[in-house]
Amino acid sequence: MFPGRPEPKVRWWRGETLLDSKDEPGEFPALRRNTLVVRELSRADLHAVFDCQASNNNISQPVSTSVAIEMHRKCIIYRIVFS
């Protein structure tokens, strides 16, 4: 496998917001990777879509894949005490 020229840039997006652009070499010299770590998710993130895009020029469309967040959480129990 031969590296692309120029080397691709791998970026994570959420909508129009760039989340991460720190790509690094993969397991093989010709590969690039970018690992996105999301530390906290809330109920507002349900069905959020994160897009990973790789591109190496301004001529062709970037190659991309998407991840949609699906959460299944137990009910949150509240304790209300009247005094």
PDB file of N, CA and C in Angstrom:
ATOM      1  N   MET A   1       0.849  -1.169   0.000  1.00  0.00           N
ATOM      2  CA  MET A   1       0.000   0.000   0.000  1.00  0.00           C
ATOM      3  C   MET A   1       0.896   1.233   0.000  1.00  0.00           C
ATOM      4  N   PHE A   2       0.578   2.174  -0.852  1.00  0.00           N
ATOM      5  CA  PHE A   2       1.385   3.378  -0.981  1.00  0.00           C
ATOM      6  C   PHE A   2       0.650   4.571  -0.402  1.00  0.00           C
ATOM      7  N   PRO A   3       1.354   5.462   0.249  1.00  0.00           N
ATOM      8  CA  PRO A   3       0.686   6.631   0.825  1.00  0.00           C
ATOM      9  C   PRO A   3       0.163   7.543  -0.270  1.00  0.00           C
ATOM     10  N   GLY A   4      -0.967   8.204   0.017  1.00  0.00           N
ATOM     11  CA  GLY A   4      -1.491   9.182  -0.923  1.00  0.00           C
ATOM     12  C   GLY A   4      -0.592  10.397  -0.969  1.00  0.00           C
ATOM     13  N   ARG A   5      -0.636  11.082  -2.081  1.00  0.00           N
ATOM     14  CA  ARG A   5       0.151  12.309  -2.213  1.00  0.00           C
ATOM     15  C   ARG A   5      -0.782  13.399  -2.670  1.00  0.00           C
ATOM     16  N   PRO A   6      -0.945  14.437  -1.927  1.00  0.00           N
ATOM     17  CA  PRO A   6      -0.404  14.608  -0.570  1.00  0.00           C
ATOM     18  C   PRO A   6      -1.087  13.661   0.413  1.00  0.00           C
ATOM     19  N   GLU A   7      -0.467  13.488   1.584  1.00  0.00           N
ATOM     20  CA  GLU A   7      -1.063  12.617   2.600  1.00  0.00           C
ATOM     21  C   GLU A   7      -2.432  13.148   2.992  1.00  0.00           C
ATOM     22  N   PRO A   8      -3.372  12.250   3.281  1.00  0.00           N
ATOM     23  CA  PRO A   8      -4.718  12.710   3.657  1.00  0.00           C
ATOM     24  C   PRO A   8      -4.740  13.331   5.048  1.00  0.00           C
ATOM     25  N   LYS A   9      -5.706  14.181   5.252  1.00  0.00           N
ATOM     26  CA  LYS A   9      -6.021  14.733   6.562  1.00  0.00           C
ATOM     27  C   LYS A   9      -7.298  14.056   7.031  1.00  0.00           C
ATOM     28  N   VAL A  10      -7.310  13.576   8.271  1.00  0.00           N
ATOM     29  CA  VAL A  10      -8.474  12.893   8.829  1.00  0.00           C
ATOM     30  C   VAL A  10      -9.051  13.774   9.922  1.00  0.00           C
ATOM     31  N   ARG A  11     -10.328  14.111   9.780  1.00  0.00           N
ATOM     32  CA  ARG A  11     -10.970  15.057  10.711  1.00  0.00           C
ATOM     33  C   ARG A  11     -12.333  14.544  11.153  1.00  0.00           C
ATOM     34  N   TRP A  12     -12.682  14.894  12.402  1.00  0.00           N
ATOM     35  CA  TRP A  12     -14.004  14.578  12.950  1.00  0.00           C
ATOM     36  C   TRP A  12     -14.839  15.852  13.015  1.00  0.00           C
ATOM     37  N   TRP A  13     -16.092  15.756  12.577  1.00  0.00           N
ATOM     38  CA  TRP A  13     -17.026  16.882  12.569  1.00  0.00           C
ATOM     39  C   TRP A  13     -18.325  16.497  13.270  1.00  0.00           C
ATOM     40  N   ARG A  14     -18.975  17.483  13.837  1.00  0.00           N
ATOM     41  CA  ARG A  14     -20.357  17.340  14.294  1.00  0.00           C
ATOM     42  C   ARG A  14     -21.097  18.514  13.679  1.00  0.00           C
ATOM     43  N   GLY A  15     -21.853  18.233  12.628  1.00  0.00           N
ATOM     44  CA  GLY A  15     -22.476  19.301  11.862  1.00  0.00           C
ATOM     45  C   GLY A  15     -21.396  20.137  11.206  1.00  0.00           C
ATOM     46  N   GLU A  16     -21.440  21.436  11.431  1.00  0.00           N
ATOM     47  CA  GLU A  16     -20.447  22.359  10.869  1.00  0.00           C
ATOM     48  C   GLU A  16     -19.255  22.588  11.806  1.00  0.00           C
ATOM     49  N   THR A  17     -19.272  21.923  12.979  1.00  0.00           N
ATOM     50  CA  THR A  17     -18.232  22.143  13.987  1.00  0.00           C
ATOM     51  C   THR A  17     -17.114  21.115  13.860  1.00  0.00           C
ATOM     52  N   LEU A  18     -15.890  21.586  13.679  1.00  0.00           N
ATOM     53  CA  LEU A  18     -14.724  20.713  13.650  1.00  0.00           C
ATOM     54  C   LEU A  18     -14.390  20.300  15.072  1.00  0.00           C
ATOM     55  N   LEU A  19     -14.370  19.000  15.341  1.00  0.00           N
ATOM     56  CA  LEU A  19     -14.106  18.497  16.687  1.00  0.00           C
ATOM     57  C   LEU A  19     -12.649  18.112  16.898  1.00  0.00           C
ATOM     58  N   ASP A  20     -12.025  17.523  15.878  1.00  0.00           N
ATOM     59  CA  ASP A  20     -10.657  17.047  16.033  1.00  0.00           C
ATOM     60  C   ASP A  20      -9.989  16.951  14.672  1.00  0.00           C
ATOM     61  N   SER A  21      -8.773  17.469  14.578  1.00  0.00           N
ATOM     62  CA  SER A  21      -8.025  17.383  13.317  1.00  0.00           C
ATOM     63  C   SER A  21      -6.603  16.876  13.545  1.00  0.00           C
ATOM     64  N   LYS A  22      -6.387  16.198  14.669  1.00  0.00           N
ATOM     65  CA  LYS A  22      -5.051  15.700  15.004  1.00  0.00           C
ATOM     66  C   LYS A  22      -4.899  14.262  14.529  1.00  0.00           C
ATOM     67  N   ASP A  23      -4.663  14.091  13.226  1.00  0.00           N
ATOM     68  CA  ASP A  23      -4.470  12.741  12.732  1.00  0.00           C
ATOM     69  C   ASP A  23      -3.032  12.299  12.967  1.00  0.00           C
ATOM     70  N   GLU A  24      -2.813  11.000  12.884  1.00  0.00           N
ATOM     71  CA  GLU A  24      -1.501  10.422  13.175  1.00  0.00           C
ATOM     72  C   GLU A  24      -1.298   9.208  12.286  1.00  0.00           C
ATOM     73  N   PRO A  25      -0.065   8.733  12.171  1.00  0.00           N
ATOM     74  CA  PRO A  25       0.168   7.527  11.371  1.00  0.00           C
ATOM     75  C   PRO A  25      -0.581   6.337  11.942  1.00  0.00           C
ATOM     76  N   GLY A  26      -1.064   5.477  11.052  1.00  0.00           N
ATOM     77  CA  GLY A  26      -1.750   4.261  11.472  1.00  0.00           C
ATOM     78  C   GLY A  26      -0.769   3.126  11.687  1.00  0.00           C
ATOM     79  N   GLU A  27      -1.278   1.897  11.697  1.00  0.00           N
ATOM     80  CA  GLU A  27      -0.443   0.728  11.937  1.00  0.00           C
ATOM     81  C   GLU A  27       0.565   0.509  10.813  1.00  0.00           C
ATOM     82  N   PHE A  28       0.199   0.916   9.615  1.00  0.00           N
ATOM     83  CA  PHE A  28       1.079   0.783   8.460  1.00  0.00           C
ATOM     84  C   PHE A  28       1.452   2.176   7.985  1.00  0.00           C
ATOM     85  N   PRO A  29       2.635   2.361   7.426  1.00  0.00           N
ATOM     86  CA  PRO A  29       3.081   3.704   7.027  1.00  0.00           C
ATOM     87  C   PRO A  29       2.133   4.419   6.080  1.00  0.00           C
ATOM     88  N   ALA A  30       1.388   3.688   5.255  1.00  0.00           N
ATOM     89  CA  ALA A  30       0.516   4.324   4.271  1.00  0.00           C
ATOM     90  C   ALA A  30      -0.828   4.751   4.862  1.00  0.00           C
ATOM     91  N   LEU A  31      -1.112   4.413   6.105  1.00  0.00           N
ATOM     92  CA  LEU A  31      -2.409   4.706   6.709  1.00  0.00           C
ATOM     93  C   LEU A  31      -2.326   5.886   7.670  1.00  0.00           C
ATOM     94  N   ARG A  32      -3.430   6.615   7.785  1.00  0.00           N
ATOM     95  CA  ARG A  32      -3.574   7.697   8.761  1.00  0.00           C
ATOM     96  C   ARG A  32      -4.788   7.372   9.616  1.00  0.00           C
ATOM     97  N   ARG A  33      -4.803   7.870  10.848  1.00  0.00           N
ATOM     98  CA  ARG A  33      -5.967   7.650  11.709  1.00  0.00           C
ATOM     99  C   ARG A  33      -6.166   8.852  12.613  1.00  0.00           C
ATOM    100  N   ASN A  34      -7.382   8.957  13.136  1.00  0.00           N
ATOM    101  CA  ASN A  34      -7.730  10.005  14.084  1.00  0.00           C
ATOM    102  C   ASN A  34      -8.755   9.406  15.028  1.00  0.00           C
ATOM    103  N   THR A  35      -8.450   9.398  16.306  1.00  0.00           N
ATOM    104  CA  THR A  35      -9.343   8.840  17.314  1.00  0.00           C
ATOM    105  C   THR A  35     -10.028   9.970  18.048  1.00  0.00           C
ATOM    106  N   LEU A  36     -11.353   9.979  18.005  1.00  0.00           N
ATOM    107  CA  LEU A  36     -12.133  10.996  18.714  1.00  0.00           C
ATOM    108  C   LEU A  36     -12.597  10.410  20.040  1.00  0.00           C
ATOM    109  N   VAL A  37     -12.320  11.114  21.131  1.00  0.00           N
ATOM    110  CA  VAL A  37     -12.772  10.704  22.460  1.00  0.00           C
ATOM    111  C   VAL A  37     -13.746  11.764  22.952  1.00  0.00           C
ATOM    112  N   VAL A  38     -14.974  11.337  23.238  1.00  0.00           N
ATOM    113  CA  VAL A  38     -15.987  12.236  23.794  1.00  0.00           C
ATOM    114  C   VAL A  38     -16.128  11.876  25.258  1.00  0.00           C
ATOM    115  N   ARG A  39     -15.748  12.777  26.128  1.00  0.00           N
ATOM    116  CA  ARG A  39     -15.699  12.478  27.569  1.00  0.00           C
ATOM    117  C   ARG A  39     -17.073  12.421  28.226  1.00  0.00           C
ATOM    118  N   GLU A  40     -17.979  13.273  27.811  1.00  0.00           N
ATOM    119  CA  GLU A  40     -19.302  13.295  28.438  1.00  0.00           C
ATOM    120  C   GLU A  40     -20.383  13.439  27.379  1.00  0.00           C
ATOM    121  N   LEU A  41     -21.437  12.668  27.551  1.00  0.00           N
ATOM    122  CA  LEU A  41     -22.615  12.794  26.708  1.00  0.00           C
ATOM    123  C   LEU A  41     -23.807  13.064  27.603  1.00  0.00           C
ATOM    124  N   SER A  42     -24.749  13.822  27.108  1.00  0.00           N
ATOM    125  CA  SER A  42     -25.976  14.081  27.858  1.00  0.00           C
ATOM    126  C   SER A  42     -27.157  13.643  27.000  1.00  0.00           C
ATOM    127  N   ARG A  43     -28.337  13.763  27.561  1.00  0.00           N
ATOM    128  CA  ARG A  43     -29.542  13.411  26.808  1.00  0.00           C
ATOM    129  C   ARG A  43     -29.675  14.247  25.538  1.00  0.00           C
ATOM    130  N   ALA A  44     -29.121  15.435  25.548  1.00  0.00           N
ATOM    131  CA  ALA A  44     -29.165  16.300  24.367  1.00  0.00           C
ATOM    132  C   ALA A  44     -28.354  15.726  23.208  1.00  0.00           C
ATOM    133  N   ASP A  45     -27.464  14.770  23.499  1.00  0.00           N
ATOM    134  CA  ASP A  45     -26.633  14.167  22.464  1.00  0.00           C
ATOM    135  C   ASP A  45     -27.281  12.958  21.794  1.00  0.00           C
ATOM    136  N   LEU A  46     -28.484  12.586  22.235  1.00  0.00           N
ATOM    137  CA  LEU A  46     -29.188  11.463  21.632  1.00  0.00           C
ATOM    138  C   LEU A  46     -29.385  11.731  20.143  1.00  0.00           C
ATOM    139  N   HIS A  47     -29.008  10.783  19.318  1.00  0.00           N
ATOM    140  CA  HIS A  47     -29.093  10.845  17.852  1.00  0.00           C
ATOM    141  C   HIS A  47     -28.118  11.849  17.237  1.00  0.00           C
ATOM    142  N   ALA A  48     -27.158  12.328  18.005  1.00  0.00           N
ATOM    143  CA  ALA A  48     -26.135  13.206  17.436  1.00  0.00           C
ATOM    144  C   ALA A  48     -25.344  12.408  16.405  1.00  0.00           C
ATOM    145  N   VAL A  49     -24.900  13.078  15.346  1.00  0.00           N
ATOM    146  CA  VAL A  49     -24.147  12.421  14.287  1.00  0.00           C
ATOM    147  C   VAL A  49     -22.741  13.008  14.243  1.00  0.00           C
ATOM    148  N   PHE A  50     -21.747  12.140  14.343  1.00  0.00           N
ATOM    149  CA  PHE A  50     -20.349  12.517  14.241  1.00  0.00           C
ATOM    150  C   PHE A  50     -19.836  12.000  12.901  1.00  0.00           C
ATOM    151  N   ASP A  51     -19.210  12.857  12.117  1.00  0.00           N
ATOM    152  CA  ASP A  51     -18.700  12.492  10.794  1.00  0.00           C
ATOM    153  C   ASP A  51     -17.184  12.469  10.814  1.00  0.00           C
ATOM    154  N   CYS A  52     -16.602  11.404  10.275  1.00  0.00           N
ATOM    155  CA  CYS A  52     -15.164  11.308  10.092  1.00  0.00           C
ATOM    156  C   CYS A  52     -14.890  11.459   8.601  1.00  0.00           C
ATOM    157  N   GLN A  53     -14.051  12.439   8.251  1.00  0.00           N
ATOM    158  CA  GLN A  53     -13.754  12.705   6.846  1.00  0.00           C
ATOM    159  C   GLN A  53     -12.255  12.640   6.602  1.00  0.00           C
ATOM    160  N   ALA A  54     -11.895  12.038   5.474  1.00  0.00           N
ATOM    161  CA  ALA A  54     -10.503  11.982   5.042  1.00  0.00           C
ATOM    162  C   ALA A  54     -10.416  12.599   3.649  1.00  0.00           C
ATOM    163  N   SER A  55      -9.486  13.528   3.490  1.00  0.00           N
ATOM    164  CA  SER A  55      -9.299  14.146   2.175  1.00  0.00           C
ATOM    165  C   SER A  55      -7.826  14.471   1.987  1.00  0.00           C
ATOM    166  N   ASN A  56      -7.423  14.517   0.710  1.00  0.00           N
ATOM    167  CA  ASN A  56      -6.033  14.867   0.442  1.00  0.00           C
ATOM    168  C   ASN A  56      -5.905  15.889  -0.691  1.00  0.00           C
ATOM    169  N   ASN A  57      -7.043  16.478  -1.106  1.00  0.00           N
ATOM    170  CA  ASN A  57      -6.988  17.516  -2.132  1.00  0.00           C
ATOM    171  C   ASN A  57      -8.261  18.350  -2.098  1.00  0.00           C
ATOM    172  N   ASN A  58      -8.288  19.395  -2.886  1.00  0.00           N
ATOM    173  CA  ASN A  58      -9.462  20.267  -2.970  1.00  0.00           C
ATOM    174  C   ASN A  58     -10.307  19.962  -4.196  1.00  0.00           C
ATOM    175  N   ILE A  59      -9.979  18.903  -4.925  1.00  0.00           N
ATOM    176  CA  ILE A  59     -10.677  18.596  -6.170  1.00  0.00           C
ATOM    177  C   ILE A  59     -11.804  17.591  -5.960  1.00  0.00           C
ATOM    178  N   SER A  60     -11.506  16.502  -5.265  1.00  0.00           N
ATOM    179  CA  SER A  60     -12.508  15.455  -5.075  1.00  0.00           C
ATOM    180  C   SER A  60     -13.189  15.600  -3.715  1.00  0.00           C
ATOM    181  N   GLN A  61     -14.362  14.978  -3.597  1.00  0.00           N
ATOM    182  CA  GLN A  61     -15.097  14.974  -2.337  1.00  0.00           C
ATOM    183  C   GLN A  61     -14.351  14.121  -1.316  1.00  0.00           C
ATOM    184  N   PRO A  62     -14.360  14.520  -0.032  1.00  0.00           N
ATOM    185  CA  PRO A  62     -13.706  13.690   0.985  1.00  0.00           C
ATOM    186  C   PRO A  62     -14.437  12.362   1.162  1.00  0.00           C
ATOM    187  N   VAL A  63     -13.690  11.349   1.548  1.00  0.00           N
ATOM    188  CA  VAL A  63     -14.280  10.066   1.916  1.00  0.00           C
ATOM    189  C   VAL A  63     -14.749  10.217   3.353  1.00  0.00           C
ATOM    190  N   SER A  64     -15.966   9.763   3.645  1.00  0.00           N
ATOM    191  CA  SER A  64     -16.467   9.970   5.000  1.00  0.00           C
ATOM    192  C   SER A  64     -17.316   8.801   5.469  1.00  0.00           C
ATOM    193  N   THR A  65     -17.450   8.729   6.784  1.00  0.00           N
ATOM    194  CA  THR A  65     -18.365   7.799   7.420  1.00  0.00           C
ATOM    195  C   THR A  65     -18.953   8.512   8.633  1.00  0.00           C
ATOM    196  N   SER A  66     -20.111   8.053   9.076  1.00  0.00           N
ATOM    197  CA  SER A  66     -20.806   8.716  10.182  1.00  0.00           C
ATOM    198  C   SER A  66     -21.120   7.732  11.296  1.00  0.00           C
ATOM    199  N   VAL A  67     -21.187   8.276  12.505  1.00  0.00           N
ATOM    200  CA  VAL A  67     -21.584   7.512  13.679  1.00  0.00           C
ATOM    201  C   VAL A  67     -22.710   8.276  14.348  1.00  0.00           C
ATOM    202  N   ALA A  68     -23.847   7.614  14.562  1.00  0.00           N
ATOM    203  CA  ALA A  68     -24.983   8.232  15.263  1.00  0.00           C
ATOM    204  C   ALA A  68     -25.023   7.693  16.687  1.00  0.00           C
ATOM    205  N   ILE A  69     -25.237   8.577  17.637  1.00  0.00           N
ATOM    206  CA  ILE A  69     -25.253   8.197  19.053  1.00  0.00           C
ATOM    207  C   ILE A  69     -26.644   7.696  19.435  1.00  0.00           C
ATOM    208  N   GLU A  70     -26.684   6.485  19.950  1.00  0.00           N
ATOM    209  CA  GLU A  70     -27.914   5.886  20.454  1.00  0.00           C
ATOM    210  C   GLU A  70     -27.668   5.550  21.915  1.00  0.00           C
ATOM    211  N   MET A  71     -28.499   6.055  22.798  1.00  0.00           N
ATOM    212  CA  MET A  71     -28.293   5.817  24.225  1.00  0.00           C
ATOM    213  C   MET A  71     -29.507   5.117  24.818  1.00  0.00           C
ATOM    214  N   HIS A  72     -29.238   4.170  25.685  1.00  0.00           N
ATOM    215  CA  HIS A  72     -30.274   3.494  26.447  1.00  0.00           C
ATOM    216  C   HIS A  72     -29.867   3.610  27.909  1.00  0.00           C
ATOM    217  N   ARG A  73     -30.559   4.477  28.619  1.00  0.00           N
ATOM    218  CA  ARG A  73     -30.214   4.719  30.024  1.00  0.00           C
ATOM    219  C   ARG A  73     -31.379   4.307  30.902  1.00  0.00           C
ATOM    220  N   LYS A  74     -31.040   3.825  32.075  1.00  0.00           N
ATOM    221  CA  LYS A  74     -32.074   3.513  33.051  1.00  0.00           C
ATOM    222  C   LYS A  74     -32.704   4.809  33.525  1.00  0.00           C
ATOM    223  N   CYS A  75     -33.879   4.686  34.050  1.00  0.00           N
ATOM    224  CA  CYS A  75     -34.560   5.867  34.580  1.00  0.00           C
ATOM    225  C   CYS A  75     -33.751   6.473  35.719  1.00  0.00           C
ATOM    226  N   ILE A  76     -33.778   7.759  35.774  1.00  0.00           N
ATOM    227  CA  ILE A  76     -33.122   8.454  36.881  1.00  0.00           C
ATOM    228  C   ILE A  76     -34.176   8.624  37.970  1.00  0.00           C
ATOM    229  N   ILE A  77     -33.831   8.196  39.167  1.00  0.00           N
ATOM    230  CA  ILE A  77     -34.782   8.249  40.274  1.00  0.00           C
ATOM    231  C   ILE A  77     -34.467   9.470  41.132  1.00  0.00           C
ATOM    232  N   TYR A  78     -35.494  10.236  41.404  1.00  0.00           N
ATOM    233  CA  TYR A  78     -35.365  11.407  42.239  1.00  0.00           C
ATOM    234  C   TYR A  78     -36.044  11.126  43.568  1.00  0.00           C
ATOM    235  N   ARG A  79     -35.471  11.637  44.599  1.00  0.00           N
ATOM    236  CA  ARG A  79     -36.064  11.499  45.931  1.00  0.00           C
ATOM    237  C   ARG A  79     -36.467  12.881  46.397  1.00  0.00           C
ATOM    238  N   ILE A  80     -37.757  13.048  46.635  1.00  0.00           N
ATOM    239  CA  ILE A  80     -38.273  14.342  47.088  1.00  0.00           C
ATOM    240  C   ILE A  80     -38.730  14.182  48.534  1.00  0.00           C
ATOM    241  N   VAL A  81     -38.194  15.025  49.391  1.00  0.00           N
ATOM    242  CA  VAL A  81     -38.519  14.962  50.818  1.00  0.00           C
ATOM    243  C   VAL A  81     -39.179  16.271  51.215  1.00  0.00           C
ATOM    244  N   PHE A  82     -40.351  16.179  51.802  1.00  0.00           N
ATOM    245  CA  PHE A  82     -41.047  17.374  52.315  1.00  0.00           C
ATOM    246  C   PHE A  82     -40.845  17.434  53.822  1.00  0.00           C
ATOM    247  N   SER A  83     -40.547  18.597  54.332  1.00  0.00           N
ATOM    248  CA  SER A  83     -40.395  18.711  55.773  1.00  0.00           C
ATOM    249  C   SER A  83     -41.327  19.728  56.348  1.00  0.00           C
TER     250      SER A  83
END
